């Protein structure tokens, strides 16, 4: 699997292929009463983690990503626009999220060169502050599980970042594979 750069979600930082169905776990289910309208707007992908073997080789290039989620002409989809700095250049990617049967559950499909797809669930959200995302992806026989922390601002409380780290560990993400992203450039 390949890695882009952290998004929605830090989704472009995921190694992805065809979306794999994500089974519920006893501890981490989709956020109750999820409201897509409150989820839309500007977020920053601030942290990510992955159980993927390729993750370490991309840690040095990952950076905070600005994520803008907006409505689409199609009622069952919304659009994600992602911006991040890569060697002094502002990079843009666009992806489409298709809503699933349960509010807070989506399939992400990026457009362009990456052609990525991932199963995404919003596990916990405070619409004004943060969101915890759980992402499953597969490509052939390779499967990955990733987590992402989104914030409405670039800085979250220590309590929130510690809670995210605990969430990632509960998902089986090794501690050395959890990355709080550095700021590189402004957008």
Protein backbone atom coordinates (compact mmCIF):
# COMPACT_ATOMS: atom_id res chain seq x y z
CA UNK A 1 0.00 0.00 0.00
CA UNK A 2 1.11 3.54 -0.58
CA UNK A 3 0.92 6.60 1.53
CA UNK A 4 -0.16 10.06 0.53
CA UNK A 5 -0.22 12.76 3.16
CA UNK A 6 -2.38 12.97 6.22
CA UNK A 7 -5.93 14.18 5.71
CA UNK A 8 -9.54 13.70 6.83
CA UNK A 9 -9.34 13.08 7.74
CA UNK A 10 -5.82 12.54 7.27
CA UNK A 11 -7.02 10.19 4.68
CA UNK A 12 -4.37 10.87 2.06
CA UNK A 13 -1.85 9.80 4.65
CA UNK A 14 -3.43 6.39 4.58
CA UNK A 15 -2.31 3.52 2.50
CA UNK A 16 -5.47 2.77 0.65
CA UNK A 17 -7.06 0.73 -2.01
CA UNK A 18 -10.58 -0.65 -2.13
CA UNK A 19 -12.63 0.13 0.94
CA UNK A 20 -12.92 -2.70 3.42
CA UNK A 21 -15.98 -3.04 5.61
CA UNK A 22 -15.25 -1.92 9.14
CA UNK A 23 -16.74 -4.11 11.84
CA UNK A 24 -18.03 -2.59 15.04
CA UNK A 25 -15.98 -3.08 18.18
CA UNK A 26 -17.37 -3.19 21.68
CA UNK A 27 -15.45 -0.06 22.70
CA UNK A 28 -15.59 2.18 19.65
CA UNK A 29 -18.85 2.62 17.78
CA UNK A 30 -19.93 5.45 15.54
CA UNK A 31 -20.78 8.71 17.34
CA UNK A 32 -24.44 8.67 18.39
CA UNK A 33 -26.70 11.33 16.86
CA UNK A 34 -24.04 12.28 14.33
CA UNK A 35 -24.97 15.50 12.48
CA UNK A 36 -23.39 15.87 9.05
CA UNK A 37 -24.24 19.58 8.88
CA UNK A 38 -22.22 20.29 12.02
CA UNK A 39 -19.38 18.10 10.71
CA UNK A 40 -19.01 20.17 7.54
CA UNK A 41 -16.62 23.13 7.46
CA UNK A 42 -12.92 23.62 8.13
CA UNK A 43 -10.85 21.12 10.10
CA UNK A 44 -7.14 20.47 10.55
CA UNK A 45 -5.78 16.92 10.47
CA UNK A 46 -3.50 17.11 13.51
CA UNK A 47 -2.53 13.52 14.26
CA UNK A 48 -2.63 10.12 12.65
CA UNK A 49 -1.61 6.58 13.37
CA UNK A 50 -1.47 3.42 11.34
CA UNK A 51 -0.66 -0.25 11.77
CA UNK A 52 0.93 -0.26 8.30
CA UNK A 53 4.48 -1.38 7.61
CA UNK A 54 5.08 1.59 5.25
CA UNK A 55 4.02 4.27 7.76
CA UNK A 56 7.47 4.96 9.24
CA UNK A 57 9.02 5.84 5.88
CA UNK A 58 6.52 8.69 5.43
CA UNK A 59 6.61 10.19 8.93
CA UNK A 60 9.18 12.83 8.00
CA UNK A 61 7.06 14.31 5.19
CA UNK A 62 3.69 14.30 6.96
CA UNK A 63 2.37 17.65 8.10
CA UNK A 64 -0.79 19.26 9.43
CA UNK A 65 -3.38 19.26 6.67
CA UNK A 66 -6.21 21.75 6.26
CA UNK A 67 -9.44 19.89 5.46
CA UNK A 68 -12.54 21.70 4.17
CA UNK A 69 -15.68 19.55 4.05
CA UNK A 70 -18.55 20.91 1.95
CA UNK A 71 -21.85 19.84 0.43
CA UNK A 72 -22.16 18.26 -2.97
CA UNK A 73 -24.86 18.40 -5.63
CA UNK A 74 -25.56 14.76 -4.80
CA UNK A 75 -27.49 14.26 -1.55
CA UNK A 76 -25.55 11.16 -0.50
CA UNK A 77 -22.08 12.71 -0.85
CA UNK A 78 -19.95 15.57 0.38
CA UNK A 79 -16.59 16.91 -0.79
CA UNK A 80 -13.28 17.16 1.06
CA UNK A 81 -10.60 19.59 -0.07
CA UNK A 82 -7.18 19.01 1.48
CA UNK A 83 -4.24 21.45 1.60
CA UNK A 84 -0.77 20.88 3.01
CA UNK A 85 2.78 22.06 2.55
CA UNK A 86 5.25 19.88 0.68
CA UNK A 87 8.74 21.40 0.42
CA UNK A 88 7.39 24.96 0.40
CA UNK A 89 4.62 24.24 -2.10
CA UNK A 90 0.94 24.20 -1.14
CA UNK A 91 -0.52 20.90 -2.36
CA UNK A 92 -4.28 20.46 -2.96
CA UNK A 93 -6.28 17.24 -3.21
CA UNK A 94 -10.01 16.74 -3.55
CA UNK A 95 -11.94 13.71 -2.36
CA UNK A 96 -15.53 12.58 -2.30
CA UNK A 97 -17.21 11.07 0.75
CA UNK A 98 -20.21 8.82 0.14
CA UNK A 99 -22.60 8.50 3.08
CA UNK A 100 -23.41 4.98 4.24
CA UNK A 101 -26.58 3.75 5.98
CA UNK A 102 -25.44 4.88 9.44
CA UNK A 103 -24.83 8.60 10.04
CA UNK A 104 -21.10 9.12 10.67
CA UNK A 105 -20.05 6.27 8.36
CA UNK A 106 -18.57 7.11 4.95
CA UNK A 107 -16.55 5.74 2.10
CA UNK A 108 -13.84 8.17 0.96
CA UNK A 109 -12.74 8.28 -2.67
CA UNK A 110 -10.03 10.68 -3.74
CA UNK A 111 -9.82 12.03 -7.24
CA UNK A 112 -6.73 12.41 -9.37
CA UNK A 113 -3.47 10.52 -9.17
CA UNK A 114 -4.01 8.82 -5.80
CA UNK A 115 -7.31 7.06 -6.65
CA UNK A 116 -7.68 6.07 -3.00
CA UNK A 117 -10.68 4.60 -1.22
CA UNK A 118 -11.24 3.99 2.49
CA UNK A 119 -14.01 3.07 4.94
CA UNK A 120 -14.28 5.87 7.53
CA UNK A 121 -16.23 6.17 10.77
CA UNK A 122 -16.49 9.16 13.07
CA UNK A 123 -16.08 7.55 16.49
CA UNK A 124 -16.13 10.64 18.70
CA UNK A 125 -16.81 14.28 17.92
CA UNK A 126 -17.16 17.64 19.60
CA UNK A 127 -18.31 19.66 16.59
CA UNK A 128 -16.63 22.86 17.78
CA UNK A 129 -13.31 21.26 18.77
CA UNK A 130 -12.27 17.79 17.56
CA UNK A 131 -13.17 14.54 15.81
CA UNK A 132 -11.67 11.04 16.14
CA UNK A 133 -11.79 9.01 12.92
CA UNK A 134 -11.28 5.29 12.39
CA UNK A 135 -10.28 4.26 8.87
CA UNK A 136 -9.94 0.82 7.28
CA UNK A 137 -8.45 0.26 3.86
CA UNK A 138 -7.38 -2.72 1.83
CA UNK A 139 -5.57 -3.37 -1.39
CA UNK A 140 -5.32 -6.96 -2.51
CA UNK A 141 -4.26 -9.03 0.48
CA UNK A 142 -2.96 -5.97 2.38
CA UNK A 143 -5.21 -4.42 5.01
CA UNK A 144 -4.59 -1.37 7.16
CA UNK A 145 -6.22 0.35 10.08
CA UNK A 146 -5.62 4.05 10.66
CA UNK A 147 -6.84 6.71 13.05
CA UNK A 148 -6.98 10.46 12.58
CA UNK A 149 -7.49 13.41 14.88
CA UNK A 150 -9.18 16.46 13.40
CA UNK A 151 -9.36 19.80 15.15
CA UNK A 152 -11.26 22.97 14.32
CA UNK A 153 -8.04 24.81 15.20
CA UNK A 154 -4.39 23.79 14.94
CA UNK A 155 -4.12 23.46 18.73
CA UNK A 156 -6.14 21.15 20.96
CA UNK A 157 -6.09 20.63 24.70
CA UNK A 158 -3.64 18.20 26.26
CA UNK A 159 -6.62 16.17 27.49
CA UNK A 160 -7.93 15.77 23.93
CA UNK A 161 -4.56 14.72 22.52
CA UNK A 162 -4.07 12.23 25.36
CA UNK A 163 -7.57 10.83 24.77
CA UNK A 164 -6.77 10.46 21.07
CA UNK A 165 -3.57 8.58 21.87
CA UNK A 166 -5.55 6.20 24.13
CA UNK A 167 -8.11 5.77 21.33
CA UNK A 168 -5.34 4.89 18.85
CA UNK A 169 -3.81 2.37 21.24
CA UNK A 170 -7.24 0.73 21.76
CA UNK A 171 -7.41 0.27 17.99
CA UNK A 172 -4.16 -1.69 18.05
CA UNK A 173 -2.00 1.12 16.69
CA UNK A 174 1.50 0.78 18.20
CA UNK A 175 2.63 3.82 20.19
CA UNK A 176 5.57 4.45 17.85
CA UNK A 177 3.12 4.56 14.93
CA UNK A 178 1.07 7.45 16.39
CA UNK A 179 2.19 10.79 15.00
CA UNK A 180 1.19 14.29 16.12
CA UNK A 181 1.83 16.24 12.96
CA UNK A 182 4.18 19.21 12.71
CA UNK A 183 3.20 22.57 11.25
CA UNK A 184 4.96 23.23 7.95
CA UNK A 185 3.73 26.34 6.20
CA UNK A 186 0.39 28.12 6.51
CA UNK A 187 -2.50 27.85 4.15
